[in-house]
């Protein structure tokens, strides 16, 4: 199994026997909780780091720590927005492939884990 297929496999495994809509709804809700925590961590760590950067070297240190986390957060947040809209569309009866959208969201949230390690205090 290739690395690109792993998120799809994990999403399908987590889906189990539940309906695609209820699984996607749970995935969107869980991802939102993770994103809320990531946002707070980035804000609590990075805003003071940038505020207190008095030199180009300190600014570069803040960038090294915070920029990858912020970029990964932005990607995950965009994937969450797409998945949330897909769930709303599915609830209104529109034909939506929730499996692909959920897998993209799962992959984006999983990719957020590594850069967030640098942001932890």
N, C-alpha and C. Protein backbone atom coordinates (compact mmCIF):
# COMPACT_ATOMS: atom_id res chain seq x y z
N UNK A 1 0.85 -1.17 0.00
CA UNK A 1 0.00 0.00 0.00
C UNK A 1 0.90 1.23 0.00
N UNK A 2 0.65 2.16 -0.91
CA UNK A 2 1.47 3.36 -0.99
C UNK A 2 1.07 4.35 0.09
N UNK A 3 1.99 5.27 0.38
CA UNK A 3 1.72 6.27 1.41
C UNK A 3 0.52 7.13 1.05
N UNK A 4 0.31 7.38 -0.25
CA UNK A 4 -0.82 8.19 -0.67
C UNK A 4 -2.15 7.50 -0.40
N UNK A 5 -2.16 6.18 -0.35
CA UNK A 5 -3.38 5.43 -0.12
C UNK A 5 -3.70 5.24 1.36
N UNK A 6 -2.72 5.45 2.23
CA UNK A 6 -2.93 5.19 3.66
C UNK A 6 -4.08 6.01 4.23
N UNK A 7 -4.18 7.35 3.99
CA UNK A 7 -5.31 8.09 4.55
C UNK A 7 -6.67 7.55 4.09
N UNK A 8 -6.76 7.14 2.82
CA UNK A 8 -8.02 6.59 2.33
C UNK A 8 -8.34 5.28 3.05
N UNK A 9 -7.32 4.47 3.26
CA UNK A 9 -7.52 3.21 3.96
C UNK A 9 -7.95 3.46 5.41
N UNK A 10 -7.27 4.40 6.08
CA UNK A 10 -7.62 4.71 7.47
C UNK A 10 -9.03 5.26 7.56
N UNK A 11 -9.40 6.13 6.63
CA UNK A 11 -10.75 6.68 6.66
C UNK A 11 -11.77 5.58 6.46
N UNK A 12 -11.50 4.67 5.52
CA UNK A 12 -12.44 3.56 5.27
C UNK A 12 -12.52 2.64 6.48
N UNK A 13 -11.39 2.42 7.13
CA UNK A 13 -11.37 1.57 8.32
C UNK A 13 -12.17 2.21 9.45
N UNK A 14 -11.98 3.52 9.65
CA UNK A 14 -12.71 4.21 10.70
C UNK A 14 -14.20 4.30 10.39
N UNK A 15 -14.54 4.28 9.12
CA UNK A 15 -15.93 4.39 8.74
C UNK A 15 -16.74 3.19 9.22
N UNK A 16 -16.13 2.02 9.20
CA UNK A 16 -16.80 0.83 9.70
C UNK A 16 -18.14 0.61 9.03
N UNK A 17 -19.15 0.39 9.85
CA UNK A 17 -20.48 0.10 9.33
C UNK A 17 -21.41 1.29 9.37
N UNK A 18 -20.94 2.42 9.86
CA UNK A 18 -21.79 3.60 9.95
C UNK A 18 -22.08 4.14 8.55
N UNK A 19 -23.12 4.93 8.45
CA UNK A 19 -23.44 5.53 7.15
C UNK A 19 -22.35 6.52 6.77
N UNK A 20 -22.15 6.73 5.49
CA UNK A 20 -21.13 7.69 5.06
C UNK A 20 -21.38 9.10 5.62
N UNK A 21 -22.63 9.48 5.71
CA UNK A 21 -22.95 10.82 6.20
C UNK A 21 -22.63 10.96 7.69
N UNK A 22 -22.98 9.96 8.48
CA UNK A 22 -22.68 10.06 9.92
C UNK A 22 -21.17 9.96 10.17
N UNK A 23 -20.49 9.16 9.39
CA UNK A 23 -19.03 9.06 9.52
C UNK A 23 -18.37 10.38 9.14
N UNK A 24 -18.80 10.97 8.04
CA UNK A 24 -18.24 12.25 7.60
C UNK A 24 -18.54 13.35 8.61
N UNK A 25 -19.73 13.34 9.17
CA UNK A 25 -20.09 14.33 10.18
C UNK A 25 -19.19 14.20 11.40
N UNK A 26 -18.97 12.98 11.85
CA UNK A 26 -18.07 12.76 12.99
C UNK A 26 -16.65 13.17 12.70
N UNK A 27 -16.19 12.87 11.49
CA UNK A 27 -14.83 13.26 11.09
C UNK A 27 -14.68 14.77 11.08
N UNK A 28 -15.66 15.46 10.54
CA UNK A 28 -15.63 16.93 10.49
C UNK A 28 -15.63 17.51 11.90
N UNK A 29 -16.48 16.97 12.76
CA UNK A 29 -16.55 17.47 14.14
C UNK A 29 -15.25 17.21 14.90
N UNK A 30 -14.69 16.02 14.75
CA UNK A 30 -13.43 15.69 15.43
C UNK A 30 -12.28 16.55 14.91
N UNK A 31 -12.24 16.75 13.60
CA UNK A 31 -11.18 17.58 13.02
C UNK A 31 -11.29 19.01 13.52
N UNK A 32 -12.51 19.49 13.67
CA UNK A 32 -12.69 20.86 14.19
C UNK A 32 -12.11 20.99 15.59
N UNK A 33 -12.31 19.97 16.42
CA UNK A 33 -11.75 20.00 17.77
C UNK A 33 -10.23 20.04 17.73
N UNK A 34 -9.64 19.25 16.86
CA UNK A 34 -8.18 19.24 16.71
C UNK A 34 -7.69 20.61 16.22
N UNK A 35 -8.39 21.18 15.26
CA UNK A 35 -8.00 22.48 14.72
C UNK A 35 -8.13 23.59 15.76
N UNK A 36 -9.12 23.50 16.63
CA UNK A 36 -9.26 24.49 17.69
C UNK A 36 -8.05 24.45 18.62
N UNK A 37 -7.62 23.25 18.99
CA UNK A 37 -6.46 23.11 19.87
C UNK A 37 -5.19 23.59 19.16
N UNK A 38 -5.04 23.21 17.89
CA UNK A 38 -3.86 23.64 17.13
C UNK A 38 -3.81 25.16 17.02
N UNK A 39 -4.95 25.77 16.76
CA UNK A 39 -5.01 27.23 16.66
C UNK A 39 -4.57 27.88 17.97
N UNK A 40 -5.08 27.37 19.08
CA UNK A 40 -4.71 27.94 20.38
C UNK A 40 -3.22 27.76 20.67
N UNK A 41 -2.68 26.59 20.31
CA UNK A 41 -1.25 26.35 20.52
C UNK A 41 -0.40 27.31 19.68
N UNK A 42 -0.78 27.47 18.43
CA UNK A 42 -0.03 28.37 17.54
C UNK A 42 -0.12 29.80 18.06
N UNK A 43 -1.31 30.22 18.44
CA UNK A 43 -1.49 31.58 18.95
C UNK A 43 -0.70 31.80 20.23
N UNK A 44 -0.80 30.87 21.17
CA UNK A 44 -0.13 31.03 22.46
C UNK A 44 1.39 31.03 22.35
N UNK A 45 1.92 30.30 21.38
CA UNK A 45 3.37 30.19 21.23
C UNK A 45 3.94 31.20 20.24
N UNK A 46 3.29 31.36 19.13
CA UNK A 46 3.89 32.12 18.03
C UNK A 46 3.67 33.62 18.12
N UNK A 47 2.50 34.04 18.59
CA UNK A 47 2.28 35.49 18.69
C UNK A 47 3.30 36.12 19.62
N UNK A 48 3.54 35.58 20.83
CA UNK A 48 4.59 36.17 21.68
C UNK A 48 5.99 36.07 21.05
N UNK A 49 6.25 34.97 20.35
CA UNK A 49 7.57 34.82 19.73
C UNK A 49 7.82 35.92 18.70
N UNK A 50 6.80 36.21 17.90
CA UNK A 50 6.95 37.29 16.91
C UNK A 50 6.96 38.67 17.58
N UNK A 51 6.13 38.84 18.61
CA UNK A 51 6.09 40.13 19.31
C UNK A 51 7.43 40.47 19.96
N UNK A 52 8.11 39.45 20.47
CA UNK A 52 9.36 39.68 21.19
C UNK A 52 10.60 39.57 20.31
N UNK A 53 10.41 39.31 19.04
CA UNK A 53 11.56 39.21 18.13
C UNK A 53 12.14 40.60 17.90
N UNK A 54 13.33 40.82 18.45
CA UNK A 54 13.97 42.14 18.35
C UNK A 54 15.05 42.20 17.28
N UNK A 55 15.35 41.06 16.68
CA UNK A 55 16.39 41.03 15.65
C UNK A 55 15.95 40.11 14.52
N UNK A 56 16.66 40.20 13.42
CA UNK A 56 16.36 39.34 12.28
C UNK A 56 16.58 37.87 12.66
N UNK A 57 17.55 37.62 13.52
CA UNK A 57 17.83 36.25 13.97
C UNK A 57 16.67 35.69 14.79
N UNK A 58 16.13 36.49 15.69
CA UNK A 58 14.99 36.05 16.50
C UNK A 58 13.75 35.86 15.64
N UNK A 59 13.59 36.71 14.65
CA UNK A 59 12.47 36.56 13.72
C UNK A 59 12.61 35.27 12.92
N UNK A 60 13.82 34.96 12.49
CA UNK A 60 14.07 33.71 11.76
C UNK A 60 13.80 32.50 12.65
N UNK A 61 14.16 32.59 13.94
CA UNK A 61 13.88 31.50 14.87
C UNK A 61 12.38 31.29 15.03
N UNK A 62 11.64 32.39 15.14
CA UNK A 62 10.18 32.29 15.25
C UNK A 62 9.59 31.69 13.98
N UNK A 63 10.10 32.12 12.82
CA UNK A 63 9.63 31.55 11.55
C UNK A 63 9.91 30.06 11.47
N UNK A 64 11.09 29.66 11.89
CA UNK A 64 11.47 28.25 11.83
C UNK A 64 10.54 27.39 12.68
N UNK A 65 10.16 27.91 13.82
CA UNK A 65 9.29 27.18 14.73
C UNK A 65 7.83 27.23 14.28
N UNK A 66 7.37 28.41 13.87
CA UNK A 66 5.95 28.64 13.70
C UNK A 66 5.41 28.52 12.27
N UNK A 67 6.25 28.86 11.30
CA UNK A 67 5.75 28.89 9.92
C UNK A 67 5.26 27.53 9.43
N UNK A 68 5.99 26.43 9.65
CA UNK A 68 5.48 25.14 9.18
C UNK A 68 4.16 24.74 9.85
N UNK A 69 4.02 25.06 11.14
CA UNK A 69 2.78 24.74 11.84
C UNK A 69 1.63 25.56 11.29
N UNK A 70 1.87 26.83 11.04
CA UNK A 70 0.81 27.69 10.52
C UNK A 70 0.40 27.25 9.11
N UNK A 71 1.38 26.90 8.28
CA UNK A 71 1.05 26.45 6.93
C UNK A 71 0.27 25.14 6.96
N UNK A 72 0.68 24.20 7.80
CA UNK A 72 -0.06 22.93 7.92
C UNK A 72 -1.45 23.17 8.48
N UNK A 73 -1.57 24.10 9.42
CA UNK A 73 -2.87 24.46 9.97
C UNK A 73 -3.77 25.02 8.88
N UNK A 74 -3.24 25.91 8.05
CA UNK A 74 -4.03 26.51 6.98
C UNK A 74 -4.53 25.46 5.99
N UNK A 75 -3.67 24.49 5.66
CA UNK A 75 -4.08 23.40 4.76
C UNK A 75 -5.18 22.56 5.41
N UNK A 76 -4.99 22.23 6.68
CA UNK A 76 -6.00 21.42 7.38
C UNK A 76 -7.30 22.19 7.52
N UNK A 77 -7.21 23.47 7.78
CA UNK A 77 -8.42 24.29 7.91
C UNK A 77 -9.17 24.36 6.58
N UNK A 78 -8.45 24.48 5.48
CA UNK A 78 -9.09 24.48 4.15
C UNK A 78 -9.76 23.14 3.87
N UNK A 79 -9.09 22.04 4.24
CA UNK A 79 -9.68 20.71 4.05
C UNK A 79 -10.91 20.55 4.93
N UNK A 80 -10.87 21.11 6.15
CA UNK A 80 -12.02 21.05 7.04
C UNK A 80 -13.20 21.81 6.43
N UNK A 81 -12.92 23.00 5.89
CA UNK A 81 -13.98 23.81 5.28
C UNK A 81 -14.63 23.05 4.12
N UNK A 82 -13.79 22.45 3.28
CA UNK A 82 -14.31 21.67 2.15
C UNK A 82 -15.17 20.52 2.65
N UNK A 83 -14.70 19.80 3.66
CA UNK A 83 -15.45 18.66 4.19
C UNK A 83 -16.75 19.10 4.86
N UNK A 84 -16.71 20.22 5.58
CA UNK A 84 -17.92 20.71 6.24
C UNK A 84 -18.97 21.10 5.21
N UNK A 85 -18.55 21.75 4.14
CA UNK A 85 -19.49 22.09 3.08
C UNK A 85 -20.02 20.84 2.37
N UNK A 86 -19.18 19.83 2.22
CA UNK A 86 -19.62 18.58 1.60
C UNK A 86 -20.67 17.90 2.46
N UNK A 87 -20.48 17.91 3.77
CA UNK A 87 -21.47 17.32 4.67
C UNK A 87 -22.79 18.09 4.58
N UNK A 88 -22.71 19.40 4.58
CA UNK A 88 -23.94 20.20 4.46
C UNK A 88 -24.63 19.94 3.13
N UNK A 89 -23.85 19.82 2.06
CA UNK A 89 -24.43 19.53 0.75
C UNK A 89 -25.09 18.15 0.75
N UNK A 90 -24.43 17.16 1.35
CA UNK A 90 -25.00 15.81 1.41
C UNK A 90 -26.29 15.80 2.23
N UNK A 91 -26.31 16.57 3.31
CA UNK A 91 -27.52 16.64 4.14
C UNK A 91 -28.68 17.28 3.39
N UNK A 92 -28.37 18.13 2.41
CA UNK A 92 -29.43 18.74 1.62
C UNK A 92 -29.80 17.90 0.40
N UNK A 93 -29.14 16.75 0.25
CA UNK A 93 -29.50 15.83 -0.83
C UNK A 93 -28.62 15.89 -2.06
N UNK A 94 -27.60 16.72 -2.05
CA UNK A 94 -26.70 16.82 -3.21
C UNK A 94 -25.80 15.59 -3.28
N UNK A 95 -25.49 15.15 -4.49
CA UNK A 95 -24.58 14.00 -4.63
C UNK A 95 -23.13 14.42 -4.35
N UNK A 96 -22.56 13.92 -3.27
CA UNK A 96 -21.21 14.30 -2.84
C UNK A 96 -20.46 13.03 -2.48
N UNK A 97 -19.18 12.97 -2.87
CA UNK A 97 -18.35 11.83 -2.49
C UNK A 97 -17.71 12.14 -1.14
N UNK A 98 -18.37 11.73 -0.08
CA UNK A 98 -17.91 12.03 1.27
C UNK A 98 -16.65 11.25 1.63
N UNK A 99 -16.42 10.11 1.01
CA UNK A 99 -15.25 9.31 1.32
C UNK A 99 -13.97 10.03 0.93
N UNK A 100 -13.94 10.59 -0.26
CA UNK A 100 -12.75 11.30 -0.73
C UNK A 100 -12.52 12.57 0.10
N UNK A 101 -13.60 13.31 0.35
CA UNK A 101 -13.48 14.53 1.14
C UNK A 101 -13.01 14.22 2.55
N UNK A 102 -13.56 13.17 3.15
CA UNK A 102 -13.16 12.77 4.50
C UNK A 102 -11.72 12.30 4.55
N UNK A 103 -11.30 11.59 3.53
CA UNK A 103 -9.91 11.12 3.48
C UNK A 103 -8.94 12.29 3.34
N UNK A 104 -9.30 13.29 2.53
CA UNK A 104 -8.45 14.49 2.40
C UNK A 104 -8.33 15.19 3.75
N UNK A 105 -9.45 15.30 4.45
CA UNK A 105 -9.43 15.96 5.75
C UNK A 105 -8.59 15.17 6.75
N UNK A 106 -8.76 13.86 6.77
CA UNK A 106 -7.98 13.02 7.67
C UNK A 106 -6.49 13.15 7.39
N UNK A 107 -6.12 13.17 6.12
CA UNK A 107 -4.71 13.30 5.74
C UNK A 107 -4.15 14.66 6.16
N UNK A 108 -4.93 15.71 5.97
CA UNK A 108 -4.47 17.06 6.33
C UNK A 108 -4.30 17.21 7.84
N UNK A 109 -5.22 16.64 8.60
CA UNK A 109 -5.10 16.73 10.06
C UNK A 109 -3.92 15.88 10.54
N UNK A 110 -3.72 14.73 9.93
CA UNK A 110 -2.57 13.89 10.30
C UNK A 110 -1.26 14.61 9.97
N UNK A 111 -1.22 15.32 8.86
CA UNK A 111 -0.01 16.05 8.47
C UNK A 111 0.27 17.23 9.39
N UNK A 112 -0.71 17.66 10.14
CA UNK A 112 -0.54 18.77 11.07
C UNK A 112 0.26 18.35 12.31
N UNK A 113 0.26 17.07 12.62
CA UNK A 113 0.87 16.59 13.86
C UNK A 113 2.36 16.90 13.95
N UNK A 114 3.12 16.63 12.90
CA UNK A 114 4.57 16.82 12.95
C UNK A 114 4.97 18.28 13.17
N UNK A 115 4.47 19.23 12.38
CA UNK A 115 4.88 20.62 12.61
C UNK A 115 4.41 21.17 13.96
N UNK A 116 3.34 20.62 14.50
CA UNK A 116 2.86 21.10 15.80
C UNK A 116 3.80 20.74 16.94
N UNK A 117 4.63 19.73 16.74
CA UNK A 117 5.58 19.33 17.79
C UNK A 117 6.54 20.49 18.10
N UNK A 118 6.89 21.26 17.09
CA UNK A 118 7.82 22.38 17.29
C UNK A 118 7.15 23.53 18.05
N UNK A 119 5.85 23.58 18.01
CA UNK A 119 5.12 24.69 18.63
C UNK A 119 4.85 24.43 20.11
N UNK A 120 4.88 23.17 20.49
CA UNK A 120 4.63 22.86 21.92
C UNK A 120 5.68 23.53 22.78
N UNK A 121 5.24 23.99 23.90
CA UNK A 121 6.18 24.66 24.83
C UNK A 121 6.92 23.64 25.67
